[in-house]
Amino acid sequence: MQKLKQLIKESPGLRTGIFFFSVIISGVLCSAFVGEITQNGKLIWKDFYQTISFWGIMIYVIIIYTYNRFLYIYEKNILRFLDDDYCKAYIVQACLPEIIEKYKEDIRGGKDVNEIIDISKELKKLKK
């Protein structure tokens, strides 16, 4: 599943293919829906929710929503990296566990207080 998600993120051809087939599927579902609610050449809307094609359209809408939400979240995360403050916070978040582990090793190793790394100085270096 992760490979498929990564492929969709990186492949404009795959995105185009998904779009192409989604247009065809929506056209077929909508045509079937119109066919099901048409009687004697007139559209009868009163029982539209009882047709199979209507529920097919509802399922299709949920699938398309999920796909578009996935793309939205991916693209929004990329745009966050345009903000310098976000990048700095991301770097700190990524490096903090290693700094903490180094700090713990120094304490466990019995290093003197002056020899232990200063976490606040390390964080300031990362934020430059």
C-alpha atoms as a PDB file:
ATOM      1  CA  MET A   1       0.000   0.000   0.000  1.00  0.00           C
ATOM      2  CA  GLN A   2       2.876   2.385   0.812  1.00  0.00           C
ATOM      3  CA  LYS A   3       4.478   1.653  -2.572  1.00  0.00           C
ATOM      4  CA  LEU A   4       1.226   2.515  -4.331  1.00  0.00           C
ATOM      5  CA  LYS A   5       0.881   5.753  -2.362  1.00  0.00           C
ATOM      6  CA  GLN A   6       4.460   6.719  -3.207  1.00  0.00           C
ATOM      7  CA  LEU A   7       3.898   5.871  -6.864  1.00  0.00           C
ATOM      8  CA  ILE A   8       0.771   8.044  -6.985  1.00  0.00           C
ATOM      9  CA  LYS A   9       2.653  10.912  -5.326  1.00  0.00           C
ATOM     10  CA  GLU A  10       5.521  10.793  -7.804  1.00  0.00           C
ATOM     11  CA  SER A  11       3.839   9.804 -11.076  1.00  0.00           C
ATOM     12  CA  PRO A  12       1.955  12.417 -13.088  1.00  0.00           C
ATOM     13  CA  GLY A  13       1.128   9.682 -15.611  1.00  0.00           C
ATOM     14  CA  LEU A  14      -0.573   7.567 -12.966  1.00  0.00           C
ATOM     15  CA  ARG A  15      -2.467  10.583 -11.640  1.00  0.00           C
ATOM     16  CA  THR A  16      -3.638  11.350 -15.177  1.00  0.00           C
ATOM     17  CA  GLY A  17      -4.700   7.741 -15.677  1.00  0.00           C
ATOM     18  CA  ILE A  18      -6.675   7.791 -12.432  1.00  0.00           C
ATOM     19  CA  PHE A  19      -8.339  11.023 -13.516  1.00  0.00           C
ATOM     20  CA  PHE A  20      -9.142   9.600 -16.974  1.00  0.00           C
ATOM     21  CA  PHE A  21     -10.766   6.473 -15.590  1.00  0.00           C
ATOM     22  CA  SER A  22     -12.594   8.408 -12.886  1.00  0.00           C
ATOM     23  CA  VAL A  23     -14.238  10.560 -15.571  1.00  0.00           C
ATOM     24  CA  ILE A  24     -15.351   7.460 -17.471  1.00  0.00           C
ATOM     25  CA  ILE A  25     -16.639   5.737 -14.329  1.00  0.00           C
ATOM     26  CA  SER A  26     -18.573   8.827 -13.246  1.00  0.00           C
ATOM     27  CA  GLY A  27     -20.105   9.127 -16.722  1.00  0.00           C
ATOM     28  CA  VAL A  28     -21.208   5.502 -16.721  1.00  0.00           C
ATOM     29  CA  LEU A  29     -22.653   5.752 -13.203  1.00  0.00           C
ATOM     30  CA  CYS A  30     -24.517   8.966 -13.991  1.00  0.00           C
ATOM     31  CA  SER A  31     -25.914   7.531 -17.238  1.00  0.00           C
ATOM     32  CA  ALA A  32     -27.064   4.411 -15.415  1.00  0.00           C
ATOM     33  CA  PHE A  33     -28.679   6.580 -12.745  1.00  0.00           C
ATOM     34  CA  VAL A  34     -30.595   8.617 -15.317  1.00  0.00           C
ATOM     35  CA  GLY A  35     -31.643   5.396 -17.033  1.00  0.00           C
ATOM     36  CA  GLU A  36     -32.953   3.952 -13.767  1.00  0.00           C
ATOM     37  CA  ILE A  37     -35.031   6.978 -12.796  1.00  0.00           C
ATOM     38  CA  THR A  38     -36.489   7.495 -16.280  1.00  0.00           C
ATOM     39  CA  GLN A  39     -39.914   6.052 -16.963  1.00  0.00           C
ATOM     40  CA  ASN A  40     -41.779   6.648 -20.207  1.00  0.00           C
ATOM     41  CA  GLY A  41     -39.279   9.350 -21.186  1.00  0.00           C
ATOM     42  CA  LYS A  42     -39.726  11.325 -17.968  1.00  0.00           C
ATOM     43  CA  LEU A  43     -37.454  11.610 -14.941  1.00  0.00           C
ATOM     44  CA  ILE A  44     -39.131  10.314 -11.786  1.00  0.00           C
ATOM     45  CA  TRP A  45     -37.147  11.660  -8.821  1.00  0.00           C
ATOM     46  CA  LYS A  46     -39.304  10.475  -5.920  1.00  0.00           C
ATOM     47  CA  ASP A  47     -37.520   7.117  -5.406  1.00  0.00           C
ATOM     48  CA  PHE A  48     -34.044   7.991  -6.714  1.00  0.00           C
ATOM     49  CA  TYR A  49     -32.363   6.823  -3.493  1.00  0.00           C
ATOM     50  CA  GLN A  50     -33.641   3.287  -4.060  1.00  0.00           C
ATOM     51  CA  THR A  51     -31.671   2.777  -7.270  1.00  0.00           C
ATOM     52  CA  ILE A  52     -28.467   0.754  -7.353  1.00  0.00           C
ATOM     53  CA  SER A  53     -26.678   3.362  -9.460  1.00  0.00           C
ATOM     54  CA  PHE A  54     -27.374   6.083  -6.870  1.00  0.00           C
ATOM     55  CA  TRP A  55     -25.569   4.052  -4.201  1.00  0.00           C
ATOM     56  CA  GLY A  56     -22.810   3.322  -6.722  1.00  0.00           C
ATOM     57  CA  ILE A  57     -22.413   7.071  -7.159  1.00  0.00           C
ATOM     58  CA  MET A  58     -22.277   7.516  -3.373  1.00  0.00           C
ATOM     59  CA  ILE A  59     -19.529   4.888  -3.053  1.00  0.00           C
ATOM     60  CA  TYR A  60     -17.689   6.501  -5.972  1.00  0.00           C
ATOM     61  CA  VAL A  61     -17.894   9.921  -4.267  1.00  0.00           C
ATOM     62  CA  ILE A  62     -16.368   8.476  -1.088  1.00  0.00           C
ATOM     63  CA  ILE A  63     -13.520   6.880  -3.074  1.00  0.00           C
ATOM     64  CA  ILE A  64     -12.821  10.109  -5.005  1.00  0.00           C
ATOM     65  CA  TYR A  65     -12.963  12.127  -1.769  1.00  0.00           C
ATOM     66  CA  THR A  66     -10.423   9.797  -0.149  1.00  0.00           C
ATOM     67  CA  TYR A  67      -8.112  10.047  -3.168  1.00  0.00           C
ATOM     68  CA  ASN A  68      -8.354  13.858  -3.331  1.00  0.00           C
ATOM     69  CA  ARG A  69      -7.817  14.151   0.426  1.00  0.00           C
ATOM     70  CA  PHE A  70      -4.673  12.014   0.112  1.00  0.00           C
ATOM     71  CA  LEU A  71      -3.326  14.308  -2.631  1.00  0.00           C
ATOM     72  CA  TYR A  72      -4.297  17.433  -0.694  1.00  0.00           C
ATOM     73  CA  ILE A  73      -2.478  16.334   2.457  1.00  0.00           C
ATOM     74  CA  TYR A  74       0.614  15.361   0.449  1.00  0.00           C
ATOM     75  CA  GLU A  75       0.739  18.678  -1.419  1.00  0.00           C
ATOM     76  CA  LYS A  76       0.008  20.707   1.722  1.00  0.00           C
ATOM     77  CA  ASN A  77       2.914  18.995   3.511  1.00  0.00           C
ATOM     78  CA  ILE A  78       5.224  19.913   0.638  1.00  0.00           C
ATOM     79  CA  LEU A  79       4.139  23.558   0.798  1.00  0.00           C
ATOM     80  CA  ARG A  80       4.977  23.696   4.515  1.00  0.00           C
ATOM     81  CA  PHE A  81       8.656  23.357   3.657  1.00  0.00           C
ATOM     82  CA  LEU A  82       8.534  26.761   1.951  1.00  0.00           C
ATOM     83  CA  ASP A  83       8.274  28.289   5.436  1.00  0.00           C
ATOM     84  CA  ASP A  84      11.688  28.707   7.115  1.00  0.00           C
ATOM     85  CA  ASP A  85      10.242  28.423  10.633  1.00  0.00           C
ATOM     86  CA  TYR A  86       8.550  25.139   9.739  1.00  0.00           C
ATOM     87  CA  CYS A  87      11.825  23.786   8.319  1.00  0.00           C
ATOM     88  CA  LYS A  88      13.712  24.734  11.463  1.00  0.00           C
ATOM     89  CA  ALA A  89      11.061  23.147  13.679  1.00  0.00           C
ATOM     90  CA  TYR A  90      11.113  20.023  11.513  1.00  0.00           C
ATOM     91  CA  ILE A  91      14.910  19.760  11.823  1.00  0.00           C
ATOM     92  CA  VAL A  92      14.726  20.174  15.601  1.00  0.00           C
ATOM     93  CA  GLN A  93      11.999  17.528  15.834  1.00  0.00           C
ATOM     94  CA  ALA A  94      14.012  15.111  13.694  1.00  0.00           C
ATOM     95  CA  CYS A  95      17.290  15.643  15.584  1.00  0.00           C
ATOM     96  CA  LEU A  96      15.958  15.940  19.117  1.00  0.00           C
ATOM     97  CA  PRO A  97      15.770  12.188  19.846  1.00  0.00           C
ATOM     98  CA  GLU A  98      19.454  11.773  18.916  1.00  0.00           C
ATOM     99  CA  ILE A  99      20.490  14.753  21.057  1.00  0.00           C
ATOM    100  CA  ILE A 100      18.550  13.342  23.999  1.00  0.00           C
ATOM    101  CA  GLU A 101      20.128   9.911  23.499  1.00  0.00           C
ATOM    102  CA  LYS A 102      23.609  11.501  23.426  1.00  0.00           C
ATOM    103  CA  TYR A 103      22.737  13.374  26.625  1.00  0.00           C
ATOM    104  CA  LYS A 104      21.622  10.127  28.300  1.00  0.00           C
ATOM    105  CA  GLU A 105      24.822   8.359  27.196  1.00  0.00           C
ATOM    106  CA  ASP A 106      26.926  11.147  28.671  1.00  0.00           C
ATOM    107  CA  ILE A 107      25.074  10.899  31.990  1.00  0.00           C
ATOM    108  CA  ARG A 108      25.267   7.085  32.049  1.00  0.00           C
ATOM    109  CA  GLY A 109      28.940   7.245  31.157  1.00  0.00           C
ATOM    110  CA  GLY A 110      29.595   9.283  34.265  1.00  0.00           C
ATOM    111  CA  LYS A 111      30.824  12.380  32.470  1.00  0.00           C
ATOM    112  CA  ASP A 112      31.385  15.516  34.486  1.00  0.00           C
ATOM    113  CA  VAL A 113      28.681  18.212  34.316  1.00  0.00           C
ATOM    114  CA  ASN A 114      31.017  20.431  32.249  1.00  0.00           C
ATOM    115  CA  GLU A 115      31.641  17.619  29.735  1.00  0.00           C
ATOM    116  CA  ILE A 116      27.946  16.856  29.107  1.00  0.00           C
ATOM    117  CA  ILE A 117      26.501  18.430  25.981  1.00  0.00           C
ATOM    118  CA  ASP A 118      24.321  21.462  26.535  1.00  0.00           C
ATOM    119  CA  ILE A 119      20.976  20.666  24.951  1.00  0.00           C
ATOM    120  CA  SER A 120      19.959  24.313  24.657  1.00  0.00           C
ATOM    121  CA  LYS A 121      23.191  25.132  22.749  1.00  0.00           C
ATOM    122  CA  GLU A 122      22.629  22.156  20.439  1.00  0.00           C
ATOM    123  CA  LEU A 123      19.083  23.302  19.724  1.00  0.00           C
ATOM    124  CA  LYS A 124      20.281  26.835  19.001  1.00  0.00           C
ATOM    125  CA  LYS A 125      22.786  25.415  16.488  1.00  0.00           C
ATOM    126  CA  LEU A 126      19.987  23.556  14.731  1.00  0.00           C
ATOM    127  CA  LYS A 127      17.816  26.669  14.505  1.00  0.00           C
ATOM    128  CA  LYS A 128      20.480  28.740  12.724  1.00  0.00           C
END
